[in-house]
Amino acid sequence: MNTKLALPLVVAGSVLLSGCFDDDDDPTNTSVRVVHASSDAPAVNVRLNDDTVVSGADFKQAAVLTPAAGSSTIAVDGILPGGDTATVIEADAALRFDTSYDVIAVGKVGDETIEPLILTDDGSRESSDSVRLRVAHLSPDAQAAAAGPVDVYVTAFGEELPAEATFTFSFKESVGPLEVPAGEYQIRVTPAGAETVVYDSGNVPLPAGADLLIGAVDNTVSGESPVSLLAIDGDAVTEILDANTGAGIRAVHNSADVGPVDIYVNGTPGVDTAAVVGLEFPETVPAAPATGQYVVLEAGENQIVVTASGGTAAAIDETLSLALGDISTVIAAGTAADSSIQAIVVPDDNRSIATAAKLRVIHGAFEAQVVDVYLLPTAEGGAAATEINNAEPALDNFEFGDSSGYLQVPEGDYVVFITTTDGSELLKTGSITLSAGGVYTAIARVAPEDGDNVAGLTLLDDFVIE
């Protein structure tokens, strides 16, 4: 289905290119790079003259296309839940053979400010050994946080912040090309006229001959900085997070027959003080964590030890290798009866998408090794009227320890069923509301013995728990 919407969603990049272009070395060809820099937009397909040339391009991806110079029609289709698409841009373009083009999605779908930003480049440079930079402000979050333009300082790594900025610009403005010698650099951003650094790249090596488009985009990873930088070289994109981003974890007690536990982070039981004391099944740390709430850690090796409360014997001893910006959910699962206590570690992605709810289900119930999971729209009359009947499971043969990944679901009210693979019902929830733009995580576990269900769900992120 291809539905036309009056929403100015725009482009992205990927690497699935069709054969509709002339040879790349043909001097009559031009270069069009498409960049997805809209932080709340879904993945898109890009069509050139009705041929799909980029498929499933997501935020922070880029692709370089080489169509023949002259008139072309470029269209962009946003990918909606279920695979439907919405044609959101369709325009004729006159492309010169001696000019390169960057077509960049900027703004946001949620507030209807998304639009294409088109930059042109003739490729001229003074030295083939220099580092050639063009810099674009693509972050509405940074514009809002600074309440206006920002100052950008490009210095040698470790140099004090100078009195004057290298340049100042606002959202949708660009600067360059700038040419600097190869070396180790540091890029810092402050609100215009202020000294408070809101972004610090740390050490950024720039090699001789590099020709980069640097885009400041909304930070959707973690940390307090409103932006991260994309260093775009051809179709290769490297994200440079704020050097102070750190990493983060959250913990879930998901083992029904284990009593309260203590959690040590980079500490030794019996020697150091526990970071968390007396965590009960099915509690979480932070308590009932909303999206973006984590225990902040340094990037690198972090040891997590779980003991019975007040004890010193490790039921779980897991070392996590966390890169800058990594965020993860750590689930203590298994049963004491089967000596199966273990950590399920699942990376998180909290980027909000304006056109869909993002739902993730994690199987953390050791007692039911393989299940089927159904997500059904709430029937008229509410959850009590909703039944599986002949519906197909959303997750078939879902095994203990597995994660569904983030599924894009249309907003609405749903009932979740969990059954054995032969159809015996383990859980039927009440009606659950999923909103477009929301991020939701549900962890399957055993239900308390006083309930009607055998299984239960621990709900994290944007779920409203009543």
Protein backbone atom coordinates (compact mmCIF):
# COMPACT_ATOMS: atom_id res chain seq x y z
CA MET A 1 0.00 0.00 0.00
CA ASN A 2 1.31 3.47 -0.85
CA THR A 3 -0.59 6.26 0.89
CA LYS A 4 0.07 9.92 0.20
CA LEU A 5 0.26 12.10 3.31
CA ALA A 6 0.57 15.86 3.58
CA LEU A 7 3.56 15.50 5.92
CA PRO A 8 6.90 16.91 4.78
CA LEU A 9 8.96 13.88 5.84
CA VAL A 10 12.27 13.70 4.05
CA VAL A 11 15.07 11.58 3.20
CA ALA A 12 17.70 9.31 4.49
CA GLY A 13 20.42 7.06 3.36
CA SER A 14 21.19 3.39 3.17
CA VAL A 15 23.29 1.17 0.95
CA LEU A 16 20.72 -0.68 -1.16
CA LEU A 17 21.17 0.94 -4.57
CA SER A 18 19.48 -0.11 -7.78
CA GLY A 19 21.10 -0.27 -11.19
CA CYS A 20 19.24 2.70 -12.62
CA PHE A 21 22.28 4.99 -12.76
CA ASP A 22 24.90 5.50 -15.41
CA ASP A 23 28.52 4.45 -14.76
CA ASP A 24 30.02 6.33 -11.79
CA ASP A 25 32.96 7.51 -13.92
CA ASP A 26 30.74 9.08 -16.56
CA PRO A 27 31.60 12.81 -16.55
CA THR A 28 27.94 13.63 -17.20
CA ASN A 29 26.92 12.08 -13.88
CA THR A 30 26.40 14.08 -10.71
CA SER A 31 26.52 13.15 -7.03
CA VAL A 32 23.54 13.31 -4.70
CA ARG A 33 24.09 12.32 -1.07
CA VAL A 34 20.97 11.75 1.00
CA VAL A 35 21.24 12.01 4.79
CA HIS A 36 18.59 11.13 7.39
CA ALA A 37 19.02 13.70 10.18
CA SER A 38 15.46 13.89 11.53
CA SER A 39 15.60 12.30 14.96
CA ASP A 40 11.93 11.31 15.30
CA ALA A 41 11.28 10.24 11.70
CA PRO A 42 10.86 6.58 10.68
CA ALA A 43 13.03 4.82 8.15
CA VAL A 44 12.36 5.74 4.52
CA ASN A 45 12.68 4.53 0.96
CA VAL A 46 14.01 6.90 -1.70
CA ARG A 47 12.90 6.72 -5.34
CA LEU A 48 14.62 8.27 -8.34
CA ASN A 49 12.52 8.45 -11.50
CA ASP A 50 10.17 5.86 -9.91
CA ASP A 51 12.96 3.34 -9.24
CA THR A 52 13.64 2.58 -5.56
CA VAL A 53 17.32 3.34 -5.00
CA VAL A 54 17.49 3.46 -1.20
CA SER A 55 15.53 1.06 1.00
CA GLY A 56 14.93 1.14 4.74
CA ALA A 57 17.19 4.13 5.41
CA ASP A 58 17.16 5.12 9.07
CA PHE A 59 18.24 8.05 11.24
CA LYS A 60 21.98 8.82 10.98
CA GLN A 61 22.44 6.90 7.72
CA ALA A 62 23.69 8.29 4.41
CA ALA A 63 24.03 7.14 0.81
CA VAL A 64 25.67 8.59 -2.28
CA LEU A 65 23.73 8.32 -5.52
CA THR A 66 25.20 9.06 -8.97
CA PRO A 67 22.34 9.88 -11.35
CA ALA A 68 22.90 11.43 -14.74
CA ALA A 69 22.98 15.22 -14.71
CA GLY A 70 19.82 16.91 -15.86
CA SER A 71 16.22 16.67 -14.76
CA SER A 72 15.22 13.95 -12.30
CA THR A 73 12.26 13.24 -10.05
CA ILE A 74 13.10 12.41 -6.45
CA ALA A 75 10.48 10.93 -4.11
CA VAL A 76 10.66 9.86 -0.48
CA ASP A 77 8.37 7.27 1.12
CA GLY A 78 8.14 7.08 4.90
CA ILE A 79 7.81 3.49 6.15
CA LEU A 80 4.82 3.07 8.48
CA PRO A 81 4.08 0.19 10.88
CA GLY A 82 3.12 -2.95 8.98
CA GLY A 83 5.16 -1.96 5.93
CA ASP A 84 2.78 0.59 4.44
CA THR A 85 4.46 3.69 3.04
CA ALA A 86 3.53 7.34 2.83
CA THR A 87 4.85 9.40 -0.06
CA VAL A 88 5.92 12.57 1.64
CA ILE A 89 8.18 14.24 -0.91
CA GLU A 90 7.95 14.17 -4.67
CA ALA A 91 9.84 16.87 -6.52
CA ASP A 92 11.58 17.58 -9.78
CA ALA A 93 15.26 18.50 -9.55
CA ALA A 94 17.72 19.97 -12.05
CA LEU A 95 21.15 18.46 -11.27
CA ARG A 96 24.45 19.89 -12.59
CA PHE A 97 27.34 17.59 -13.50
CA ASP A 98 29.91 19.92 -11.84
CA THR A 99 28.13 20.15 -8.48
CA SER A 100 27.61 17.71 -5.62
CA TYR A 101 24.40 17.85 -3.61
CA ASP A 102 23.52 16.96 -0.03
CA VAL A 103 19.82 16.46 0.57
CA ILE A 104 19.31 16.33 4.34
CA ALA A 105 16.22 15.72 6.48
CA VAL A 106 16.02 18.35 9.22
CA GLY A 107 13.36 19.24 11.77
CA LYS A 108 10.88 16.87 13.36
CA VAL A 109 7.81 14.95 12.31
CA GLY A 110 6.14 15.38 15.69
CA ASP A 111 5.88 19.17 15.47
CA GLU A 112 5.54 19.24 11.66
CA THR A 113 8.78 21.17 11.17
CA ILE A 114 10.56 18.53 9.10
CA GLU A 115 11.80 19.69 5.69
CA PRO A 116 14.63 19.13 3.23
CA LEU A 117 17.86 21.09 3.60
CA ILE A 118 19.85 21.11 0.35
CA LEU A 119 23.56 21.96 0.33
CA THR A 120 25.70 22.30 -2.78
CA ASP A 121 29.45 21.79 -3.09
CA ASP A 122 31.89 22.34 -5.96
CA GLY A 123 34.62 20.29 -4.24
CA SER A 124 37.29 22.99 -4.52
CA ARG A 125 40.20 22.87 -2.06
CA GLU A 126 43.56 24.58 -1.66
CA SER A 127 45.58 21.52 -0.62
CA SER A 128 45.10 17.81 -1.17
CA ASP A 129 46.84 17.17 2.17
CA SER A 130 44.54 19.36 4.24
CA VAL A 131 41.41 18.29 6.08
CA ARG A 132 38.41 19.80 4.32
CA LEU A 133 35.36 20.37 6.51
CA ARG A 134 31.83 21.55 5.91
CA VAL A 135 29.73 21.88 9.06
CA ALA A 136 25.93 21.95 9.25
CA HIS A 137 23.62 22.65 12.21
CA LEU A 138 20.96 19.93 11.94
CA SER A 139 19.74 19.79 15.56
CA PRO A 140 16.49 21.46 16.64
CA ASP A 141 17.16 20.19 20.18
CA ALA A 142 20.43 22.15 20.30
CA GLN A 143 18.67 25.24 18.97
CA ALA A 144 16.05 24.92 21.72
CA ALA A 145 18.59 24.20 24.47
CA ALA A 146 20.70 27.22 23.51
CA ALA A 147 17.62 29.40 22.95
CA GLY A 148 19.17 30.49 19.67
CA PRO A 149 22.47 30.13 17.78
CA VAL A 150 25.53 28.31 19.09
CA ASP A 151 29.25 29.06 19.12
CA VAL A 152 31.53 26.34 17.76
CA TYR A 153 35.19 26.07 18.77
CA VAL A 154 37.51 23.89 16.66
CA THR A 155 40.89 23.67 18.39
CA ALA A 156 43.85 21.38 18.79
CA PHE A 157 43.02 18.64 21.28
CA GLY A 158 43.60 19.75 24.86
CA GLU A 159 43.81 23.44 24.07
CA GLU A 160 42.00 25.86 26.38
CA LEU A 161 38.72 27.24 25.09
CA PRO A 162 39.74 30.37 23.17
CA ALA A 163 38.19 33.79 23.66
CA GLU A 164 36.59 33.78 20.21
CA ALA A 165 34.60 31.01 18.56
CA THR A 166 35.69 29.52 15.25
CA PHE A 167 32.19 30.33 13.96
CA THR A 168 28.63 30.88 15.12
CA PHE A 169 25.56 29.48 13.41
CA SER A 170 21.89 28.61 13.86
CA PHE A 171 19.71 25.62 13.04
CA LYS A 172 19.75 24.83 9.28
CA GLU A 173 22.81 27.02 8.64
CA SER A 174 26.12 25.64 7.37
CA VAL A 175 29.73 26.79 7.30
CA GLY A 176 32.61 25.94 5.00
CA PRO A 177 34.46 24.56 3.37
CA LEU A 178 37.17 25.06 6.00
CA GLU A 179 40.65 23.63 5.48
CA VAL A 180 42.84 22.71 8.44
CA PRO A 181 46.06 20.67 8.75
CA ALA A 182 45.76 16.98 9.62
CA GLY A 183 46.00 16.35 13.35
CA GLU A 184 44.14 15.77 16.59
CA TYR A 185 41.28 18.18 17.17
CA GLN A 186 38.64 19.00 19.76
CA ILE A 187 35.21 20.39 18.87
CA ARG A 188 33.24 22.21 21.55
CA VAL A 189 29.84 23.90 21.42
CA THR A 190 28.38 26.58 23.70
CA PRO A 191 25.25 28.73 23.52
CA ALA A 192 26.18 31.89 21.59
CA GLY A 193 28.01 34.32 23.86
CA ALA A 194 28.21 31.87 26.78
CA GLU A 195 31.09 29.86 28.25
CA THR A 196 29.11 26.75 29.26
CA VAL A 197 30.19 23.86 27.04
CA VAL A 198 27.15 21.77 26.06
CA TYR A 199 29.10 19.46 23.74
CA ASP A 200 32.74 18.32 23.88
CA SER A 201 33.98 15.88 21.25
CA GLY A 202 37.12 14.88 23.09
CA ASN A 203 40.01 13.81 20.86
CA VAL A 204 39.06 13.63 17.16
CA PRO A 205 41.89 12.57 14.80
CA LEU A 206 41.49 14.09 11.32
CA PRO A 207 43.64 12.46 8.62
CA ALA A 208 45.29 14.24 5.70
CA GLY A 209 43.12 14.41 2.60
CA ALA A 210 39.84 13.91 4.45
CA ASP A 211 36.77 15.64 3.01
CA LEU A 212 34.01 15.55 5.62
CA LEU A 213 30.53 16.86 6.14
CA ILE A 214 30.09 17.32 9.90
CA GLY A 215 26.46 17.43 11.01
CA ALA A 216 25.29 18.29 14.52
CA VAL A 217 22.17 16.18 15.14
CA ASP A 218 19.88 15.56 18.12
CA ASN A 219 21.44 13.27 20.72
CA THR A 220 19.20 10.19 20.90
CA VAL A 221 21.72 7.94 22.68
CA SER A 222 22.32 9.00 26.29
CA GLY A 223 23.94 11.71 28.35
CA GLU A 224 23.06 15.35 28.95
CA SER A 225 24.41 16.94 25.76
CA PRO A 226 21.62 17.91 23.33
CA VAL A 227 23.73 16.90 20.33
CA SER A 228 26.09 14.40 18.84
CA LEU A 229 28.14 14.92 15.69
CA LEU A 230 27.99 12.87 12.50
CA ALA A 231 31.22 12.78 10.52
CA ILE A 232 30.08 11.87 7.00
CA ASP A 233 32.65 10.70 4.45
CA GLY A 234 30.92 9.59 1.27
CA ASP A 235 28.27 7.18 2.54
CA ALA A 236 30.21 6.24 5.70
CA VAL A 237 28.87 7.83 8.89
CA THR A 238 30.74 7.97 12.20
CA GLU A 239 28.93 9.29 15.27
CA ILE A 240 30.99 11.34 17.73
CA LEU A 241 29.28 11.45 21.13
CA ASP A 242 29.98 14.00 23.82
CA ALA A 243 33.11 12.84 25.67
CA ASN A 244 31.24 13.02 28.99
CA THR A 245 28.37 10.79 27.87
CA GLY A 246 29.39 7.76 29.92
CA ALA A 247 27.21 4.63 29.88
CA GLY A 248 24.21 3.38 31.82
CA ILE A 249 22.43 0.27 33.06
CA ARG A 250 19.16 -0.55 34.78
CA ALA A 251 18.47 -3.79 36.65
CA VAL A 252 15.40 -6.02 36.97
CA HIS A 253 14.89 -8.77 39.60
CA ASN A 254 13.08 -11.40 37.52
CA SER A 255 13.72 -14.59 39.50
CA ALA A 256 10.54 -15.59 41.31
CA ASP A 257 12.01 -18.09 43.79
CA VAL A 258 14.94 -15.91 44.85
CA GLY A 259 14.51 -13.60 47.80
CA PRO A 260 15.87 -10.06 48.09
CA VAL A 261 19.28 -9.46 46.53
CA ASP A 262 22.14 -7.00 46.81
CA ILE A 263 23.88 -5.63 43.72
CA TYR A 264 27.55 -4.62 43.64
CA VAL A 265 28.87 -2.43 40.82
CA ASN A 266 32.66 -2.66 40.53
CA GLY A 267 32.77 -3.79 44.16
CA THR A 268 33.53 -6.95 46.15
CA PRO A 269 30.87 -8.54 48.39
CA GLY A 270 31.98 -8.55 52.02
CA VAL A 271 34.51 -5.81 51.32
CA ASP A 272 32.70 -2.98 49.55
CA THR A 273 29.28 -1.46 50.09
CA ALA A 274 26.53 -2.74 47.81
CA ALA A 275 25.17 -0.26 45.29
CA VAL A 276 21.67 -1.69 45.80
CA VAL A 277 20.45 -3.45 48.95
CA GLY A 278 17.42 -5.70 49.32
CA LEU A 279 15.99 -5.60 45.80
CA GLU A 280 12.86 -7.77 45.77
CA PHE A 281 11.20 -9.72 42.93
CA PRO A 282 10.00 -8.12 40.59
CA GLU A 283 11.44 -4.70 41.47
CA THR A 284 13.71 -2.63 39.25
CA VAL A 285 16.58 -0.17 39.65
CA PRO A 286 15.81 2.67 39.14
CA ALA A 287 12.35 1.97 40.57
CA ALA A 288 9.71 1.83 37.80
CA PRO A 289 12.24 3.36 35.38
CA ALA A 290 10.87 5.74 32.80
CA THR A 291 12.56 6.04 29.42
CA GLY A 292 16.08 7.39 29.83
CA GLN A 293 16.51 6.61 33.55
CA TYR A 294 19.71 4.66 34.23
CA VAL A 295 22.43 4.10 36.76
CA VAL A 296 25.28 6.07 35.19
CA LEU A 297 28.62 4.26 34.78
CA GLU A 298 31.96 5.02 33.19
CA ALA A 299 32.53 3.55 29.74
CA GLY A 300 34.78 0.48 29.80
CA GLU A 301 34.75 -2.74 31.85
CA ASN A 302 32.12 -2.76 34.61
CA GLN A 303 31.64 -5.73 36.94
CA ILE A 304 28.12 -6.49 38.19
CA VAL A 305 27.82 -8.95 41.11
CA VAL A 306 24.48 -10.09 42.56
CA THR A 307 24.25 -11.86 45.93
CA ALA A 308 21.50 -12.91 48.28
CA SER A 309 20.81 -9.90 50.49
CA GLY A 310 23.45 -9.76 53.20
CA GLY A 311 25.44 -12.60 51.63
CA THR A 312 28.79 -12.73 49.89
CA ALA A 313 28.38 -15.66 47.45
CA ALA A 314 27.86 -14.41 43.89
CA ALA A 315 24.71 -15.69 42.21
CA ILE A 316 25.63 -13.57 39.18
CA ASP A 317 29.07 -12.22 38.32
CA GLU A 318 29.00 -10.47 34.96
CA THR A 319 31.51 -8.06 33.44
CA LEU A 320 29.97 -5.68 30.93
CA SER A 321 32.10 -4.01 28.27
CA LEU A 322 30.33 -0.69 27.82
CA ALA A 323 31.29 1.73 25.07
CA LEU A 324 30.64 5.45 25.32
CA GLY A 325 26.87 5.95 25.16
CA ASP A 326 25.93 2.29 25.72
CA ILE A 327 22.71 1.80 27.69
CA SER A 328 21.47 -1.65 28.69
CA THR A 329 18.80 -3.47 30.69
CA VAL A 330 20.26 -6.20 32.93
CA ILE A 331 17.75 -8.86 33.99
CA ALA A 332 18.48 -11.32 36.81
CA ALA A 333 16.56 -14.39 35.65
CA GLY A 334 16.39 -18.13 36.18
CA THR A 335 15.49 -20.11 39.29
CA ALA A 336 17.37 -21.11 42.43
CA ALA A 337 15.71 -24.53 42.26
CA ASP A 338 17.36 -25.28 38.92
CA SER A 339 20.62 -23.44 39.70
CA SER A 340 19.93 -21.43 36.57
CA ILE A 341 20.37 -17.88 37.87
CA GLN A 342 21.87 -15.75 35.10
CA ALA A 343 22.03 -12.25 33.70
CA ILE A 344 20.18 -11.39 30.50
CA VAL A 345 21.79 -8.22 29.11
CA VAL A 346 19.86 -6.39 26.39
CA PRO A 347 21.01 -3.13 24.74
CA ASP A 348 18.42 -0.34 24.73
CA ASP A 349 17.41 2.14 22.03
CA ASN A 350 15.28 4.99 23.34
CA ARG A 351 14.89 7.03 20.16
CA SER A 352 11.28 8.10 19.81
CA ILE A 353 9.55 7.73 16.43
CA ALA A 354 6.64 10.09 15.85
CA THR A 355 4.74 7.76 13.51
CA ALA A 356 4.66 4.62 15.69
CA ALA A 357 4.96 3.15 19.16
CA LYS A 358 8.14 1.16 19.73
CA LEU A 359 7.40 -2.04 21.66
CA ARG A 360 9.97 -4.56 22.87
CA VAL A 361 9.21 -7.86 24.63
CA ILE A 362 11.93 -9.76 26.50
CA HIS A 363 11.39 -13.38 27.58
CA GLY A 364 12.69 -13.52 31.15
CA ALA A 365 10.56 -16.37 32.56
CA PHE A 366 12.80 -19.43 32.91
CA GLU A 367 9.82 -21.51 34.04
CA ALA A 368 8.24 -21.34 30.55
CA GLN A 369 11.10 -21.97 28.15
CA VAL A 370 9.20 -21.42 24.89
CA VAL A 371 5.99 -19.40 24.49
CA ASP A 372 3.87 -17.61 21.91
CA VAL A 373 3.06 -13.92 22.38
CA TYR A 374 0.00 -12.21 20.90
CA LEU A 375 -0.61 -8.47 20.61
CA LEU A 376 -4.25 -7.88 19.69
CA PRO A 377 -6.19 -4.62 19.36
CA THR A 378 -8.63 -4.21 22.24
CA ALA A 379 -12.06 -5.28 21.06
CA GLU A 380 -15.20 -3.25 21.58
CA GLY A 381 -16.21 -3.92 25.16
CA GLY A 382 -12.61 -3.85 26.44
CA ALA A 383 -10.04 -6.48 27.32
CA ALA A 384 -12.69 -8.95 28.52
CA ALA A 385 -14.13 -9.08 24.99
CA THR A 386 -10.73 -9.59 23.33
CA GLU A 387 -9.87 -13.19 22.43
CA ILE A 388 -7.12 -14.87 20.41
CA ASN A 389 -9.49 -16.87 18.17
CA ASN A 390 -7.63 -17.39 14.87
CA ALA A 391 -5.05 -14.62 15.31
CA GLU A 392 -1.40 -15.29 14.51
CA PRO A 393 1.16 -14.71 17.28
CA ALA A 394 3.31 -11.61 17.06
CA LEU A 395 6.18 -13.70 18.46
CA ASP A 396 6.13 -17.39 17.59
CA ASN A 397 8.20 -19.96 19.53
CA PHE A 398 9.67 -17.17 21.65
CA GLU A 399 12.49 -18.65 23.74
CA PHE A 400 13.74 -17.79 27.23
CA GLY A 401 16.40 -15.07 27.02
CA ASP A 402 15.22 -13.77 23.65
CA SER A 403 14.29 -10.18 22.85
CA SER A 404 11.86 -9.20 20.13
CA GLY A 405 13.85 -6.08 19.38
CA TYR A 406 11.88 -2.87 18.98
CA LEU A 407 8.73 -3.49 16.97
CA GLN A 408 6.99 -0.49 15.41
CA VAL A 409 3.30 -0.71 16.27
CA PRO A 410 0.40 1.60 15.32
CA GLU A 411 -0.79 3.61 18.29
CA GLY A 412 -3.88 2.25 20.01
CA ASP A 413 -5.18 0.01 22.79
CA TYR A 414 -3.96 -3.60 22.93
CA VAL A 415 -4.29 -6.80 24.94
CA VAL A 416 -1.24 -9.02 25.37
CA PHE A 417 -1.61 -12.79 25.57
CA ILE A 418 1.16 -15.25 26.42
CA THR A 419 0.48 -18.92 25.75
CA THR A 420 2.37 -22.17 25.66
CA THR A 421 3.19 -23.36 22.15
CA ASP A 422 0.18 -25.71 22.32
CA GLY A 423 -2.16 -22.82 23.14
CA SER A 424 -2.57 -22.98 26.92
CA GLU A 425 -3.08 -19.44 28.21
CA LEU A 426 -0.45 -18.17 30.66
CA LEU A 427 -1.31 -14.46 30.63
CA LYS A 428 -4.04 -12.15 29.44
CA THR A 429 -3.49 -8.50 30.29
CA GLY A 430 -5.98 -5.71 30.61
CA SER A 431 -6.12 -3.12 27.86
CA ILE A 432 -2.75 -1.40 27.39
CA THR A 433 -2.42 1.93 25.58
CA LEU A 434 0.52 2.41 23.22
CA SER A 435 1.05 5.95 21.94
CA ALA A 436 2.89 7.08 18.83
CA GLY A 437 6.30 8.36 19.91
CA GLY A 438 6.33 6.11 22.98
CA VAL A 439 9.01 3.54 23.79
CA TYR A 440 7.82 0.45 25.69
CA THR A 441 9.58 -2.58 27.20
CA ALA A 442 7.71 -5.57 28.66
CA ILE A 443 9.63 -8.36 30.42
CA ALA A 444 7.87 -11.71 30.79
CA ARG A 445 8.09 -13.27 34.27
CA VAL A 446 6.17 -15.53 36.62
CA ALA A 447 3.02 -13.98 38.11
CA PRO A 448 2.41 -13.75 41.87
CA GLU A 449 0.66 -16.87 43.18
CA ASP A 450 -2.45 -14.95 44.26
CA GLY A 451 -3.36 -13.86 40.73
CA ASP A 452 -5.36 -15.46 37.93
CA ASN A 453 -2.43 -15.56 35.48
CA VAL A 454 0.53 -17.93 35.48
CA ALA A 455 2.78 -15.39 33.76
CA GLY A 456 3.20 -11.67 34.31
CA LEU A 457 4.91 -8.66 32.77
CA THR A 458 7.33 -6.16 34.26
CA LEU A 459 6.68 -2.90 32.41
CA LEU A 460 9.44 -0.34 31.78
CA ASP A 461 9.83 2.93 29.88
CA ASP A 462 6.69 4.80 28.80
CA PHE A 463 4.11 2.33 30.09
CA VAL A 464 1.51 3.97 32.32
CA ILE A 465 1.08 1.69 35.34
CA GLU A 466 -2.23 2.16 37.14
